[in-house]
């Protein structure tokens, strides 16, 4: 599969994950999200950047929802729940967020 972006064809897997992580940019993430009727805000990018940081600087770690909640509580300095994250990424914060972050598809079940 491919995603057409700025006159280029960006190669993706059958599930929409980038084949080449170097293709990722915030602009591409916004375009991919727009194709899903999702408009990315600063909070979306906080979560996306958290996921990218965890993956690229922590041995390929792809945190589950519970660990994302802990991480985002620290970043946003407020109490949040899984609902807060699902309001941002309704198809699953770790899976949909990870896909829009340009990370490979996680093989774990997700959730807690």
N, C-alpha and C. Protein backbone atom coordinates (compact mmCIF):
# COMPACT_ATOMS: atom_id res chain seq x y z
N UNK A 1 0.84 -1.18 0.00
CA UNK A 1 0.00 0.00 0.00
C UNK A 1 0.88 1.24 0.00
N UNK A 2 0.25 2.37 -0.21
CA UNK A 2 0.98 3.62 -0.21
C UNK A 2 0.04 4.74 0.22
N UNK A 3 0.63 5.81 0.71
CA UNK A 3 -0.10 7.01 1.10
C UNK A 3 0.47 8.15 0.28
N UNK A 4 -0.38 8.80 -0.49
CA UNK A 4 0.07 9.91 -1.33
C UNK A 4 0.18 11.17 -0.48
N UNK A 5 1.38 11.78 -0.49
CA UNK A 5 1.64 12.95 0.34
C UNK A 5 2.61 13.88 -0.37
N UNK A 6 2.20 15.10 -0.57
CA UNK A 6 3.03 16.13 -1.22
C UNK A 6 3.64 15.64 -2.53
N UNK A 7 2.83 14.96 -3.33
CA UNK A 7 3.30 14.50 -4.63
C UNK A 7 4.18 13.27 -4.58
N UNK A 8 4.36 12.69 -3.39
CA UNK A 8 5.15 11.47 -3.24
C UNK A 8 4.25 10.33 -2.79
N UNK A 9 4.65 9.14 -3.13
CA UNK A 9 3.96 7.95 -2.68
C UNK A 9 4.76 7.36 -1.52
N UNK A 10 4.22 7.45 -0.30
CA UNK A 10 4.88 6.95 0.90
C UNK A 10 4.44 5.50 1.12
N UNK A 11 5.39 4.60 1.14
CA UNK A 11 5.07 3.18 1.27
C UNK A 11 4.60 2.85 2.69
N UNK A 12 3.47 2.14 2.77
CA UNK A 12 2.93 1.69 4.05
C UNK A 12 2.60 0.21 3.98
N UNK A 13 2.43 -0.38 5.15
CA UNK A 13 2.00 -1.78 5.22
C UNK A 13 0.51 -1.84 4.92
N UNK A 14 -0.02 -3.05 4.85
CA UNK A 14 -1.46 -3.23 4.62
C UNK A 14 -2.30 -2.57 5.71
N UNK A 15 -1.74 -2.42 6.91
CA UNK A 15 -2.47 -1.81 8.03
C UNK A 15 -2.19 -0.32 8.17
N UNK A 16 -1.45 0.27 7.22
CA UNK A 16 -1.22 1.71 7.22
C UNK A 16 -0.01 2.20 7.98
N UNK A 17 0.85 1.30 8.42
CA UNK A 17 2.07 1.69 9.13
C UNK A 17 3.17 2.00 8.12
N UNK A 18 3.99 3.00 8.41
CA UNK A 18 5.07 3.35 7.51
C UNK A 18 6.06 2.20 7.39
N UNK A 19 6.51 1.94 6.18
CA UNK A 19 7.53 0.92 5.95
C UNK A 19 8.90 1.49 6.34
N UNK A 20 9.12 2.76 6.04
CA UNK A 20 10.39 3.42 6.34
C UNK A 20 10.14 4.54 7.35
N UNK A 21 10.63 4.38 8.58
CA UNK A 21 10.42 5.37 9.64
C UNK A 21 10.99 6.73 9.27
N UNK A 22 11.98 6.77 8.38
CA UNK A 22 12.57 8.05 7.98
C UNK A 22 11.62 8.89 7.13
N UNK A 23 10.53 8.31 6.65
CA UNK A 23 9.53 9.06 5.88
C UNK A 23 8.67 9.94 6.78
N UNK A 24 8.69 9.70 8.10
CA UNK A 24 7.79 10.37 9.03
C UNK A 24 8.13 11.85 9.18
N UNK A 25 7.08 12.65 9.29
CA UNK A 25 7.19 14.06 9.67
C UNK A 25 5.87 14.44 10.33
N UNK A 26 5.86 15.54 11.05
CA UNK A 26 4.61 15.99 11.66
C UNK A 26 3.56 16.29 10.59
N UNK A 27 4.02 16.81 9.46
CA UNK A 27 3.10 17.11 8.37
C UNK A 27 2.48 15.84 7.81
N UNK A 28 3.29 14.80 7.65
CA UNK A 28 2.76 13.52 7.17
C UNK A 28 1.78 12.95 8.19
N UNK A 29 2.12 13.02 9.48
CA UNK A 29 1.22 12.52 10.52
C UNK A 29 -0.12 13.25 10.45
N UNK A 30 -0.08 14.56 10.26
CA UNK A 30 -1.32 15.34 10.16
C UNK A 30 -2.14 14.93 8.94
N UNK A 31 -1.46 14.69 7.82
CA UNK A 31 -2.16 14.26 6.61
C UNK A 31 -2.78 12.87 6.78
N UNK A 32 -2.04 11.97 7.41
CA UNK A 32 -2.57 10.63 7.64
C UNK A 32 -3.77 10.68 8.59
N UNK A 33 -3.67 11.52 9.63
CA UNK A 33 -4.78 11.66 10.57
C UNK A 33 -6.00 12.28 9.89
N UNK A 34 -5.76 13.25 9.03
CA UNK A 34 -6.85 13.90 8.30
C UNK A 34 -7.61 12.90 7.45
N UNK A 35 -6.90 11.94 6.89
CA UNK A 35 -7.54 10.89 6.08
C UNK A 35 -8.47 10.02 6.93
N UNK A 36 -8.28 10.08 8.26
CA UNK A 36 -9.13 9.34 9.20
C UNK A 36 -10.11 10.28 9.90
N UNK A 37 -10.26 11.49 9.37
CA UNK A 37 -11.14 12.50 9.96
C UNK A 37 -10.72 12.88 11.37
N UNK A 38 -9.42 12.93 11.59
CA UNK A 38 -8.86 13.29 12.89
C UNK A 38 -7.94 14.49 12.71
N UNK A 39 -8.18 15.54 13.45
CA UNK A 39 -7.32 16.72 13.38
C UNK A 39 -6.38 16.72 14.58
N UNK A 40 -5.09 16.69 14.31
CA UNK A 40 -4.10 16.62 15.38
C UNK A 40 -3.88 17.98 16.03
N UNK A 41 -3.90 17.96 17.37
CA UNK A 41 -3.67 19.16 18.17
C UNK A 41 -2.32 19.02 18.89
N UNK A 42 -2.00 20.02 19.68
CA UNK A 42 -0.76 19.96 20.46
C UNK A 42 -0.74 18.74 21.38
N UNK A 43 -1.88 18.43 21.96
CA UNK A 43 -1.94 17.25 22.85
C UNK A 43 -1.71 15.96 22.09
N UNK A 44 -2.25 15.86 20.87
CA UNK A 44 -1.97 14.68 20.04
C UNK A 44 -0.46 14.56 19.83
N UNK A 45 0.16 15.67 19.49
CA UNK A 45 1.60 15.62 19.22
C UNK A 45 2.42 15.37 20.48
N UNK A 46 1.92 15.79 21.65
CA UNK A 46 2.59 15.43 22.90
C UNK A 46 2.65 13.91 23.03
N UNK A 47 1.52 13.26 22.77
CA UNK A 47 1.46 11.80 22.87
C UNK A 47 2.29 11.14 21.77
N UNK A 48 2.18 11.64 20.55
CA UNK A 48 2.97 11.10 19.44
C UNK A 48 4.46 11.21 19.74
N UNK A 49 4.89 12.37 20.23
CA UNK A 49 6.31 12.56 20.54
C UNK A 49 6.76 11.68 21.70
N UNK A 50 5.86 11.46 22.68
CA UNK A 50 6.17 10.53 23.77
C UNK A 50 6.40 9.12 23.22
N UNK A 51 5.52 8.68 22.33
CA UNK A 51 5.66 7.34 21.74
C UNK A 51 6.95 7.23 20.92
N UNK A 52 7.27 8.27 20.16
CA UNK A 52 8.50 8.25 19.36
C UNK A 52 9.74 8.22 20.27
N UNK A 53 9.70 9.02 21.32
CA UNK A 53 10.82 9.06 22.27
C UNK A 53 11.03 7.69 22.90
N UNK A 54 9.95 7.07 23.34
CA UNK A 54 10.04 5.74 23.94
C UNK A 54 10.61 4.72 22.96
N UNK A 55 10.15 4.76 21.73
CA UNK A 55 10.58 3.78 20.75
C UNK A 55 12.05 3.99 20.35
N UNK A 56 12.39 5.21 19.97
CA UNK A 56 13.72 5.45 19.42
C UNK A 56 14.81 5.60 20.47
N UNK A 57 14.44 5.94 21.70
CA UNK A 57 15.46 6.14 22.74
C UNK A 57 15.36 5.14 23.88
N UNK A 58 14.51 4.13 23.72
CA UNK A 58 14.34 3.15 24.79
C UNK A 58 14.21 1.74 24.20
N UNK A 59 15.13 1.40 23.32
CA UNK A 59 15.26 0.04 22.78
C UNK A 59 13.99 -0.49 22.12
N UNK A 60 13.30 0.37 21.38
CA UNK A 60 12.12 -0.09 20.66
C UNK A 60 10.89 -0.29 21.51
N UNK A 61 10.86 0.31 22.70
CA UNK A 61 9.71 0.17 23.59
C UNK A 61 8.48 0.82 22.97
N UNK A 62 7.37 0.08 23.00
CA UNK A 62 6.08 0.61 22.57
C UNK A 62 5.12 0.45 23.75
N UNK A 63 4.98 1.51 24.54
CA UNK A 63 4.20 1.40 25.78
C UNK A 63 2.73 1.10 25.53
N UNK A 64 2.15 0.35 26.48
CA UNK A 64 0.72 0.08 26.43
C UNK A 64 -0.02 1.27 27.04
N UNK A 65 -1.33 1.21 27.04
CA UNK A 65 -2.15 2.34 27.50
C UNK A 65 -1.81 2.74 28.93
N UNK A 66 -1.65 1.78 29.80
CA UNK A 66 -1.33 2.10 31.20
C UNK A 66 -0.04 2.91 31.30
N UNK A 67 0.99 2.52 30.56
CA UNK A 67 2.25 3.24 30.62
C UNK A 67 2.18 4.59 29.90
N UNK A 68 1.33 4.69 28.88
CA UNK A 68 1.11 5.98 28.23
C UNK A 68 0.45 6.93 29.22
N UNK A 69 -0.54 6.45 29.97
CA UNK A 69 -1.20 7.28 30.98
C UNK A 69 -0.17 7.82 31.96
N UNK A 70 0.70 6.97 32.47
CA UNK A 70 1.74 7.41 33.41
C UNK A 70 2.64 8.47 32.78
N UNK A 71 3.06 8.23 31.55
CA UNK A 71 3.93 9.17 30.87
C UNK A 71 3.27 10.50 30.60
N UNK A 72 2.01 10.47 30.18
CA UNK A 72 1.31 11.71 29.85
C UNK A 72 0.92 12.48 31.12
N UNK A 73 0.66 11.77 32.23
CA UNK A 73 0.41 12.45 33.50
C UNK A 73 1.62 13.31 33.86
N UNK A 74 2.81 12.76 33.66
CA UNK A 74 4.04 13.50 33.98
C UNK A 74 4.23 14.68 33.02
N UNK A 75 3.96 14.47 31.75
CA UNK A 75 4.16 15.53 30.76
C UNK A 75 3.14 16.65 30.94
N UNK A 76 1.88 16.29 31.12
CA UNK A 76 0.82 17.29 31.24
C UNK A 76 0.63 17.78 32.66
N UNK A 77 1.25 17.10 33.63
CA UNK A 77 1.15 17.47 35.04
C UNK A 77 -0.32 17.56 35.49
N UNK A 78 -1.08 16.53 35.12
CA UNK A 78 -2.48 16.47 35.52
C UNK A 78 -2.91 15.01 35.55
N UNK A 79 -3.98 14.75 36.31
CA UNK A 79 -4.53 13.40 36.33
C UNK A 79 -5.31 13.16 35.05
N UNK A 80 -5.04 12.03 34.42
CA UNK A 80 -5.78 11.65 33.22
C UNK A 80 -6.19 10.19 33.35
N UNK A 81 -7.11 9.79 32.50
CA UNK A 81 -7.57 8.40 32.47
C UNK A 81 -7.41 7.88 31.05
N UNK A 82 -7.72 6.63 30.88
CA UNK A 82 -7.66 6.07 29.53
C UNK A 82 -8.66 6.79 28.62
N UNK A 83 -9.77 7.28 29.16
CA UNK A 83 -10.75 8.02 28.36
C UNK A 83 -10.10 9.26 27.75
N UNK A 84 -9.24 9.93 28.50
CA UNK A 84 -8.54 11.11 27.98
C UNK A 84 -7.76 10.75 26.73
N UNK A 85 -7.08 9.59 26.78
CA UNK A 85 -6.28 9.16 25.63
C UNK A 85 -7.15 8.69 24.48
N UNK A 86 -8.24 7.98 24.78
CA UNK A 86 -9.14 7.51 23.72
C UNK A 86 -9.91 8.66 23.09
N UNK A 87 -10.09 9.75 23.81
CA UNK A 87 -10.69 10.94 23.20
C UNK A 87 -9.76 11.51 22.12
N UNK A 88 -8.45 11.37 22.32
CA UNK A 88 -7.47 11.83 21.33
C UNK A 88 -7.36 10.84 20.17
N UNK A 89 -7.21 9.56 20.50
CA UNK A 89 -7.01 8.51 19.50
C UNK A 89 -8.06 7.41 19.72
N UNK A 90 -9.26 7.59 19.15
CA UNK A 90 -10.37 6.68 19.41
C UNK A 90 -10.12 5.22 19.01
N UNK A 91 -9.21 4.98 18.09
CA UNK A 91 -8.96 3.60 17.65
C UNK A 91 -7.92 2.88 18.50
N UNK A 92 -7.44 3.49 19.55
CA UNK A 92 -6.48 2.96 20.52
C UNK A 92 -5.25 3.87 20.54
N UNK A 93 -4.98 4.48 21.68
CA UNK A 93 -3.85 5.41 21.77
C UNK A 93 -2.50 4.78 21.41
N UNK A 94 -2.29 3.54 21.81
CA UNK A 94 -0.99 2.93 21.51
C UNK A 94 -0.90 2.49 20.05
N UNK A 95 -1.99 2.00 19.50
CA UNK A 95 -1.96 1.51 18.11
C UNK A 95 -2.13 2.65 17.11
N UNK A 96 -3.22 3.40 17.20
CA UNK A 96 -3.44 4.51 16.27
C UNK A 96 -2.38 5.59 16.47
N UNK A 97 -2.08 5.89 17.73
CA UNK A 97 -1.04 6.88 18.02
C UNK A 97 0.31 6.43 17.49
N UNK A 98 0.63 5.17 17.68
CA UNK A 98 1.90 4.63 17.18
C UNK A 98 1.99 4.66 15.67
N UNK A 99 0.88 4.36 15.02
CA UNK A 99 0.87 4.39 13.55
C UNK A 99 1.10 5.81 13.05
N UNK A 100 0.42 6.78 13.66
CA UNK A 100 0.59 8.17 13.24
C UNK A 100 1.95 8.72 13.67
N UNK A 101 2.59 8.07 14.62
CA UNK A 101 3.94 8.46 15.06
C UNK A 101 5.01 7.86 14.15
N UNK A 102 4.60 7.05 13.18
CA UNK A 102 5.55 6.46 12.25
C UNK A 102 6.28 5.25 12.79
N UNK A 103 5.71 4.63 13.83
CA UNK A 103 6.34 3.46 14.44
C UNK A 103 5.86 2.18 13.78
N UNK A 104 6.62 1.10 13.92
CA UNK A 104 6.16 -0.17 13.36
C UNK A 104 4.95 -0.68 14.14
N UNK A 105 4.20 -1.56 13.51
CA UNK A 105 3.01 -2.11 14.16
C UNK A 105 3.40 -2.94 15.36
N UNK A 106 2.74 -2.67 16.49
CA UNK A 106 2.98 -3.41 17.70
C UNK A 106 2.26 -4.76 17.62
N UNK A 107 2.88 -5.80 18.08
CA UNK A 107 2.28 -7.12 18.04
C UNK A 107 1.60 -7.51 19.34
N UNK A 108 1.70 -6.65 20.36
CA UNK A 108 1.05 -6.98 21.62
C UNK A 108 -0.43 -6.63 21.53
N UNK A 109 -1.19 -7.08 22.48
CA UNK A 109 -2.64 -6.91 22.46
C UNK A 109 -3.07 -5.47 22.78
N UNK A 110 -2.23 -4.69 23.45
CA UNK A 110 -2.59 -3.32 23.81
C UNK A 110 -3.33 -3.27 25.13
N UNK A 111 -3.89 -2.12 25.46
CA UNK A 111 -4.64 -1.97 26.70
C UNK A 111 -3.75 -2.06 27.92
N UNK A 112 -4.27 -2.63 28.98
CA UNK A 112 -3.53 -2.73 30.23
C UNK A 112 -2.77 -4.04 30.23
